[in-house]
C-alpha atoms as a PDB file:
ATOM      1  CA  MET A   1      95.400 275.275 -16.430  1.00  0.00           C
ATOM      2  CA  SER A   2      95.111 278.769 -14.992  1.00  0.00           C
ATOM      3  CA  PRO A   3      98.191 280.919 -14.240  1.00  0.00           C
ATOM      4  CA  ILE A   4      97.557 280.377 -10.526  1.00  0.00           C
ATOM      5  CA  MET A   5      97.634 276.624 -11.004  1.00  0.00           C
ATOM      6  CA  TYR A   6     100.893 276.864 -12.954  1.00  0.00           C
ATOM      7  CA  GLU A   7     102.335 278.814 -10.038  1.00  0.00           C
ATOM      8  CA  ARG A   8     101.150 276.154  -7.601  1.00  0.00           C
ATOM      9  CA  LEU A   9     102.640 273.456  -9.800  1.00  0.00           C
ATOM     10  CA  TRP A  10     105.992 275.265  -9.774  1.00  0.00           C
ATOM     11  CA  GLU A  11     105.869 275.669  -5.983  1.00  0.00           C
ATOM     12  CA  ALA A  12     104.979 271.990  -5.577  1.00  0.00           C
ATOM     13  CA  LEU A  13     107.937 271.029  -7.779  1.00  0.00           C
ATOM     14  CA  LEU A  14     110.282 273.143  -5.647  1.00  0.00           C
ATOM     15  CA  ASP A  15     108.892 271.527  -2.482  1.00  0.00           C
ATOM     16  CA  THR A  16     109.507 268.084  -3.950  1.00  0.00           C
ATOM     17  CA  LEU A  17     113.054 269.026  -4.938  1.00  0.00           C
ATOM     18  CA  ILE A  18     113.751 270.276  -1.414  1.00  0.00           C
ATOM     19  CA  MET A  19     112.328 267.110   0.157  1.00  0.00           C
ATOM     20  CA  VAL A  20     114.206 264.758  -2.126  1.00  0.00           C
ATOM     21  CA  GLY A  21     117.396 266.835  -2.097  1.00  0.00           C
ATOM     22  CA  ALA A  22     117.636 267.103   1.685  1.00  0.00           C
ATOM     23  CA  SER A  23     116.647 263.479   2.260  1.00  0.00           C
ATOM     24  CA  GLY A  24     118.981 262.277  -0.480  1.00  0.00           C
ATOM     25  CA  LEU A  25     121.912 264.142   1.049  1.00  0.00           C
ATOM     26  CA  ILE A  26     121.227 262.579   4.451  1.00  0.00           C
ATOM     27  CA  ALA A  27     120.853 259.121   2.906  1.00  0.00           C
ATOM     28  CA  LEU A  28     124.144 259.581   1.031  1.00  0.00           C
ATOM     29  CA  LEU A  29     126.087 260.748   4.079  1.00  0.00           C
ATOM     30  CA  ALA A  30     124.650 258.036   6.322  1.00  0.00           C
ATOM     31  CA  GLY A  31     124.291 255.211   3.808  1.00  0.00           C
ATOM     32  CA  ILE A  32     127.898 255.022   2.603  1.00  0.00           C
ATOM     33  CA  PRO A  33     129.420 254.686   6.107  1.00  0.00           C
ATOM     34  CA  LEU A  34     126.745 252.127   6.963  1.00  0.00           C
ATOM     35  CA  ALA A  35     127.530 250.138   3.813  1.00  0.00           C
ATOM     36  CA  VAL A  36     131.273 250.279   4.521  1.00  0.00           C
ATOM     37  CA  LEU A  37     130.642 249.118   8.087  1.00  0.00           C
ATOM     38  CA  LEU A  38     128.532 246.194   6.888  1.00  0.00           C
ATOM     39  CA  VAL A  39     131.254 245.127   4.451  1.00  0.00           C
ATOM     40  CA  LEU A  40     134.147 245.497   6.878  1.00  0.00           C
ATOM     41  CA  THR A  41     132.417 243.605   9.710  1.00  0.00           C
ATOM     42  CA  SER A  42     131.129 240.764   7.525  1.00  0.00           C
ATOM     43  CA  PRO A  43     132.704 237.285   7.827  1.00  0.00           C
ATOM     44  CA  GLY A  44     136.142 237.525   6.249  1.00  0.00           C
ATOM     45  CA  GLY A  45     136.083 241.315   6.317  1.00  0.00           C
ATOM     46  CA  VAL A  46     138.878 243.587   7.449  1.00  0.00           C
ATOM     47  CA  LEU A  47     137.061 244.261  10.751  1.00  0.00           C
ATOM     48  CA  GLU A  48     135.345 240.897  11.034  1.00  0.00           C
ATOM     49  CA  ALA A  49     132.616 241.035  13.709  1.00  0.00           C
ATOM     50  CA  PRO A  50     129.919 238.457  12.890  1.00  0.00           C
ATOM     51  CA  ARG A  51     127.630 239.293  15.825  1.00  0.00           C
ATOM     52  CA  PHE A  52     127.653 243.035  15.155  1.00  0.00           C
ATOM     53  CA  HIS A  53     127.228 242.415  11.440  1.00  0.00           C
ATOM     54  CA  LYS A  54     124.206 240.214  12.041  1.00  0.00           C
ATOM     55  CA  ILE A  55     122.520 242.726  14.350  1.00  0.00           C
ATOM     56  CA  ALA A  56     123.223 245.687  12.058  1.00  0.00           C
ATOM     57  CA  GLY A  57     122.055 243.713   9.020  1.00  0.00           C
ATOM     58  CA  SER A  58     118.832 242.736  10.783  1.00  0.00           C
ATOM     59  CA  ILE A  59     118.057 246.367  11.649  1.00  0.00           C
ATOM     60  CA  VAL A  60     118.724 247.467   8.075  1.00  0.00           C
ATOM     61  CA  ASN A  61     116.519 244.687   6.723  1.00  0.00           C
ATOM     62  CA  ALA A  62     113.718 245.603   9.139  1.00  0.00           C
ATOM     63  CA  PHE A  63     113.587 249.184   7.869  1.00  0.00           C
ATOM     64  CA  ARG A  64     113.846 248.043   4.249  1.00  0.00           C
ATOM     65  CA  ALA A  65     110.965 245.611   4.696  1.00  0.00           C
ATOM     66  CA  THR A  66     108.647 248.250   6.171  1.00  0.00           C
ATOM     67  CA  PRO A  67     106.445 249.948   3.543  1.00  0.00           C
ATOM     68  CA  PHE A  68     107.071 253.672   3.382  1.00  0.00           C
ATOM     69  CA  ILE A  69     103.494 254.656   4.188  1.00  0.00           C
ATOM     70  CA  VAL A  70     103.632 252.533   7.362  1.00  0.00           C
ATOM     71  CA  LEU A  71     107.007 253.985   8.311  1.00  0.00           C
ATOM     72  CA  LEU A  72     105.660 257.462   7.667  1.00  0.00           C
ATOM     73  CA  VAL A  73     102.916 256.962  10.250  1.00  0.00           C
ATOM     74  CA  ALA A  74     105.059 255.039  12.731  1.00  0.00           C
ATOM     75  CA  LEU A  75     107.673 257.800  12.815  1.00  0.00           C
ATOM     76  CA  ILE A  76     105.194 260.594  13.585  1.00  0.00           C
ATOM     77  CA  PRO A  77     106.395 260.961  17.226  1.00  0.00           C
ATOM     78  CA  LEU A  78     110.041 261.125  16.114  1.00  0.00           C
ATOM     79  CA  THR A  79     109.169 263.539  13.315  1.00  0.00           C
ATOM     80  CA  ARG A  80     107.352 265.824  15.752  1.00  0.00           C
ATOM     81  CA  LEU A  81     110.295 265.624  18.176  1.00  0.00           C
ATOM     82  CA  ILE A  82     112.845 266.600  15.510  1.00  0.00           C
ATOM     83  CA  THR A  83     110.919 269.144  13.455  1.00  0.00           C
ATOM     84  CA  GLY A  84     108.189 270.250  15.845  1.00  0.00           C
ATOM     85  CA  THR A  85     105.482 269.367  13.319  1.00  0.00           C
ATOM     86  CA  THR A  86     104.114 266.421  11.371  1.00  0.00           C
ATOM     87  CA  ILE A  87     103.129 268.285   8.206  1.00  0.00           C
ATOM     88  CA  GLY A  88     105.106 270.155   5.606  1.00  0.00           C
ATOM     89  CA  ILE A  89     108.192 269.356   3.575  1.00  0.00           C
ATOM     90  CA  TRP A  90     110.657 269.306   6.469  1.00  0.00           C
ATOM     91  CA  ALA A  91     108.503 266.880   8.404  1.00  0.00           C
ATOM     92  CA  ALA A  92     108.623 264.570   5.388  1.00  0.00           C
ATOM     93  CA  VAL A  93     112.428 264.681   5.324  1.00  0.00           C
ATOM     94  CA  VAL A  94     112.639 262.575   8.507  1.00  0.00           C
ATOM     95  CA  PRO A  95     110.776 259.457   7.273  1.00  0.00           C
ATOM     96  CA  LEU A  96     112.182 259.861   3.765  1.00  0.00           C
ATOM     97  CA  SER A  97     115.742 259.854   5.103  1.00  0.00           C
ATOM     98  CA  ILE A  98     115.177 256.938   7.451  1.00  0.00           C
ATOM     99  CA  SER A  99     113.537 254.931   4.676  1.00  0.00           C
ATOM    100  CA  ALA A 100     116.135 255.745   2.016  1.00  0.00           C
ATOM    101  CA  THR A 101     119.281 255.250   4.106  1.00  0.00           C
ATOM    102  CA  PRO A 102     119.060 251.452   4.601  1.00  0.00           C
ATOM    103  CA  PHE A 103     117.849 251.030   1.014  1.00  0.00           C
ATOM    104  CA  PHE A 104     120.858 252.890  -0.348  1.00  0.00           C
ATOM    105  CA  ALA A 105     123.214 251.223   2.146  1.00  0.00           C
ATOM    106  CA  ARG A 106     122.330 247.769   0.850  1.00  0.00           C
ATOM    107  CA  ILE A 107     122.863 248.820  -2.766  1.00  0.00           C
ATOM    108  CA  ALA A 108     126.198 250.431  -1.898  1.00  0.00           C
ATOM    109  CA  GLU A 109     127.157 247.323   0.046  1.00  0.00           C
ATOM    110  CA  VAL A 110     126.691 245.197  -3.067  1.00  0.00           C
ATOM    111  CA  SER A 111     128.962 247.532  -5.053  1.00  0.00           C
ATOM    112  CA  LEU A 112     131.619 247.424  -2.335  1.00  0.00           C
ATOM    113  CA  ARG A 113     131.523 243.637  -2.223  1.00  0.00           C
ATOM    114  CA  GLU A 114     132.158 243.482  -5.959  1.00  0.00           C
ATOM    115  CA  VAL A 115     135.606 245.054  -5.510  1.00  0.00           C
ATOM    116  CA  GLU A 116     138.198 242.380  -6.259  1.00  0.00           C
ATOM    117  CA  SER A 117     139.609 240.844  -3.117  1.00  0.00           C
ATOM    118  CA  GLY A 118     143.054 240.821  -4.727  1.00  0.00           C
ATOM    119  CA  LEU A 119     143.165 244.613  -4.603  1.00  0.00           C
ATOM    120  CA  ILE A 120     142.412 244.585  -0.891  1.00  0.00           C
ATOM    121  CA  GLU A 121     144.989 241.883  -0.239  1.00  0.00           C
ATOM    122  CA  ALA A 122     147.584 243.832  -2.204  1.00  0.00           C
ATOM    123  CA  ALA A 123     146.863 246.944  -0.163  1.00  0.00           C
ATOM    124  CA  GLN A 124     147.187 244.961   3.055  1.00  0.00           C
ATOM    125  CA  ALA A 125     150.493 243.471   1.868  1.00  0.00           C
ATOM    126  CA  MET A 126     151.783 247.003   1.274  1.00  0.00           C
ATOM    127  CA  GLY A 127     151.020 247.855   4.877  1.00  0.00           C
ATOM    128  CA  CYS A 128     148.011 250.096   4.233  1.00  0.00           C
ATOM    129  CA  ARG A 129     145.848 250.844   7.215  1.00  0.00           C
ATOM    130  CA  ARG A 130     142.194 249.923   7.234  1.00  0.00           C
ATOM    131  CA  TRP A 131     141.067 253.511   6.662  1.00  0.00           C
ATOM    132  CA  HIS A 132     143.440 253.822   3.700  1.00  0.00           C
ATOM    133  CA  ILE A 133     142.049 250.614   2.225  1.00  0.00           C
ATOM    134  CA  VAL A 134     138.526 252.005   2.477  1.00  0.00           C
ATOM    135  CA  ARG A 135     139.452 255.431   1.141  1.00  0.00           C
ATOM    136  CA  HIS A 136     141.886 254.491  -1.614  1.00  0.00           C
ATOM    137  CA  VAL A 137     140.710 251.027  -2.690  1.00  0.00           C
ATOM    138  CA  LEU A 138     137.131 250.166  -1.751  1.00  0.00           C
ATOM    139  CA  LEU A 139     135.368 253.482  -2.378  1.00  0.00           C
ATOM    140  CA  PRO A 140     137.165 254.479  -5.629  1.00  0.00           C
ATOM    141  CA  GLU A 141     136.676 251.026  -7.167  1.00  0.00           C
ATOM    142  CA  ALA A 142     133.016 250.835  -6.138  1.00  0.00           C
ATOM    143  CA  LEU A 143     132.185 254.472  -7.003  1.00  0.00           C
ATOM    144  CA  PRO A 144     130.391 253.806 -10.338  1.00  0.00           C
ATOM    145  CA  GLY A 145     128.154 251.221  -8.679  1.00  0.00           C
ATOM    146  CA  ILE A 146     127.528 253.512  -5.709  1.00  0.00           C
ATOM    147  CA  ILE A 147     126.474 256.367  -7.978  1.00  0.00           C
ATOM    148  CA  GLY A 148     124.215 254.011  -9.930  1.00  0.00           C
ATOM    149  CA  GLY A 149     122.679 252.837  -6.666  1.00  0.00           C
ATOM    150  CA  PHE A 150     122.211 256.395  -5.450  1.00  0.00           C
ATOM    151  CA  THR A 151     120.416 257.209  -8.685  1.00  0.00           C
ATOM    152  CA  ILE A 152     117.991 254.350  -8.050  1.00  0.00           C
ATOM    153  CA  THR A 153     117.544 255.610  -4.496  1.00  0.00           C
ATOM    154  CA  LEU A 154     116.703 259.140  -5.680  1.00  0.00           C
ATOM    155  CA  VAL A 155     114.143 257.798  -8.137  1.00  0.00           C
ATOM    156  CA  SER A 156     112.505 255.780  -5.344  1.00  0.00           C
ATOM    157  CA  MET A 157     112.523 258.848  -3.103  1.00  0.00           C
ATOM    158  CA  ILE A 158     110.708 260.910  -5.725  1.00  0.00           C
ATOM    159  CA  GLY A 159     107.910 258.345  -5.669  1.00  0.00           C
ATOM    160  CA  ALA A 160     107.935 258.247  -1.871  1.00  0.00           C
ATOM    161  CA  SER A 161     107.793 262.050  -1.665  1.00  0.00           C
ATOM    162  CA  ALA A 162     104.662 262.005  -3.809  1.00  0.00           C
ATOM    163  CA  MET A 163     103.192 259.450  -1.402  1.00  0.00           C
ATOM    164  CA  ALA A 164     104.133 261.648   1.551  1.00  0.00           C
ATOM    165  CA  GLY A 165     102.270 264.510  -0.110  1.00  0.00           C
ATOM    166  CA  ALA A 166      99.062 262.545   0.315  1.00  0.00           C
ATOM    167  CA  VAL A 167      99.324 262.963   4.095  1.00  0.00           C
ATOM    168  CA  GLY A 168     100.120 266.669   4.193  1.00  0.00           C
ATOM    169  CA  ALA A 169     103.811 266.799   3.341  1.00  0.00           C
ATOM    170  CA  GLY A 170     103.316 269.120   0.399  1.00  0.00           C
ATOM    171  CA  GLY A 171     104.954 268.785  -2.981  1.00  0.00           C
ATOM    172  CA  LEU A 172     103.639 267.265  -6.180  1.00  0.00           C
ATOM    173  CA  GLY A 173     101.794 264.465  -4.400  1.00  0.00           C
ATOM    174  CA  ASP A 174      99.829 266.940  -2.307  1.00  0.00           C
ATOM    175  CA  LEU A 175      98.937 268.962  -5.401  1.00  0.00           C
ATOM    176  CA  ALA A 176      97.771 265.842  -7.247  1.00  0.00           C
ATOM    177  CA  ILE A 177      95.590 264.729  -4.334  1.00  0.00           C
ATOM    178  CA  ARG A 178      94.050 268.104  -3.443  1.00  0.00           C
ATOM    179  CA  TYR A 179      93.419 269.413  -6.934  1.00  0.00           C
ATOM    180  CA  GLY A 180      93.687 266.463  -9.287  1.00  0.00           C
ATOM    181  CA  TYR A 181      91.810 263.841  -7.244  1.00  0.00           C
ATOM    182  CA  GLN A 182      89.594 265.625  -4.726  1.00  0.00           C
ATOM    183  CA  ARG A 183      88.487 268.300  -7.197  1.00  0.00           C
ATOM    184  CA  PHE A 184      88.394 265.925 -10.167  1.00  0.00           C
ATOM    185  CA  ASP A 185      90.759 268.109 -12.201  1.00  0.00           C
ATOM    186  CA  THR A 186      92.244 265.699 -14.738  1.00  0.00           C
ATOM    187  CA  THR A 187      94.463 268.401 -16.223  1.00  0.00           C
ATOM    188  CA  VAL A 188      96.252 268.957 -12.923  1.00  0.00           C
ATOM    189  CA  MET A 189      96.662 265.221 -12.399  1.00  0.00           C
ATOM    190  CA  LEU A 190      98.172 264.777 -15.871  1.00  0.00           C
ATOM    191  CA  ALA A 191     100.460 267.782 -15.358  1.00  0.00           C
ATOM    192  CA  VAL A 192     101.792 266.318 -12.109  1.00  0.00           C
ATOM    193  CA  ILE A 193     102.381 262.949 -13.779  1.00  0.00           C
ATOM    194  CA  VAL A 194     104.273 264.584 -16.652  1.00  0.00           C
ATOM    195  CA  VAL A 195     106.453 266.589 -14.252  1.00  0.00           C
ATOM    196  CA  LEU A 196     107.219 263.472 -12.175  1.00  0.00           C
ATOM    197  CA  ILE A 197     108.161 261.502 -15.290  1.00  0.00           C
ATOM    198  CA  ALA A 198     110.398 264.344 -16.476  1.00  0.00           C
ATOM    199  CA  LEU A 199     112.037 264.623 -13.055  1.00  0.00           C
ATOM    200  CA  VAL A 200     112.717 260.896 -12.834  1.00  0.00           C
ATOM    201  CA  SER A 201     114.077 260.841 -16.387  1.00  0.00           C
ATOM    202  CA  LEU A 202     116.405 263.755 -15.642  1.00  0.00           C
ATOM    203  CA  VAL A 203     117.750 262.098 -12.484  1.00  0.00           C
ATOM    204  CA  GLN A 204     118.239 258.792 -14.285  1.00  0.00           C
ATOM    205  CA  PHE A 205     119.993 260.456 -17.215  1.00  0.00           C
ATOM    206  CA  ALA A 206     122.369 262.354 -14.920  1.00  0.00           C
ATOM    207  CA  GLY A 207     123.138 259.213 -12.916  1.00  0.00           C
ATOM    208  CA  ASP A 208     123.804 257.116 -16.011  1.00  0.00           C
ATOM    209  CA  PHE A 209     126.010 259.856 -17.442  1.00  0.00           C
ATOM    210  CA  TRP A 210     128.285 259.930 -14.390  1.00  0.00           C
ATOM    211  CA  VAL A 211     128.433 256.141 -14.179  1.00  0.00           C
ATOM    212  CA  ARG A 212     129.563 255.916 -17.817  1.00  0.00           C
ATOM    213  CA  ARG A 213     132.088 258.683 -17.311  1.00  0.00           C
ATOM    214  CA  LEU A 214     133.634 257.053 -14.244  1.00  0.00           C
ATOM    215  CA  ARG A 215     133.822 253.631 -15.878  1.00  0.00           C
ATOM    216  CA  ALA A 216     135.507 255.137 -18.941  1.00  0.00           C
ATOM    217  CA  ARG A 217     138.457 256.346 -16.849  1.00  0.00           C
END
């Protein structure tokens, strides 16, 4: 590849990192409270509310069941309202975040449900408030699983960001489509694939490292 193409590849990688980083942060900050809420309001939960739990679960499932490319198009009006545009990396952050949040919330919910009920009952017997139970029992015990789930979410978001690039979001997907596919440049296509594989491997390695470290404590 030419020096110019290497520069474009580097810029596309930075765009992808910004998209995934910003969307991942939003999914993390929104997904954990959503997961906690789903666990607490479930039948037998600390804040048992079956009707609310059913409605919230149905909404989460609806977003999870919608393919990302369909969600990307369906959210164009909302994306334009929030960002003022429908192209570029920041426009892609909106559908990426909305797609990743329920996905991550369900994974985190599973980790929270795996916390032994005896620990929660012991905390209740000691007079702990609900917030203290969440902060000092549920989240610390489920943290390795939550980090593992967030790693899976980030990997999925990297793939989704490449898909978003096909519709003008920028990043590695946009580079692969414009130069690798439309201009029949196999070298560019292979370079993008290698970078994506390396990025996914790095994220997975970092996630697995922290999971092992937390479980070893």
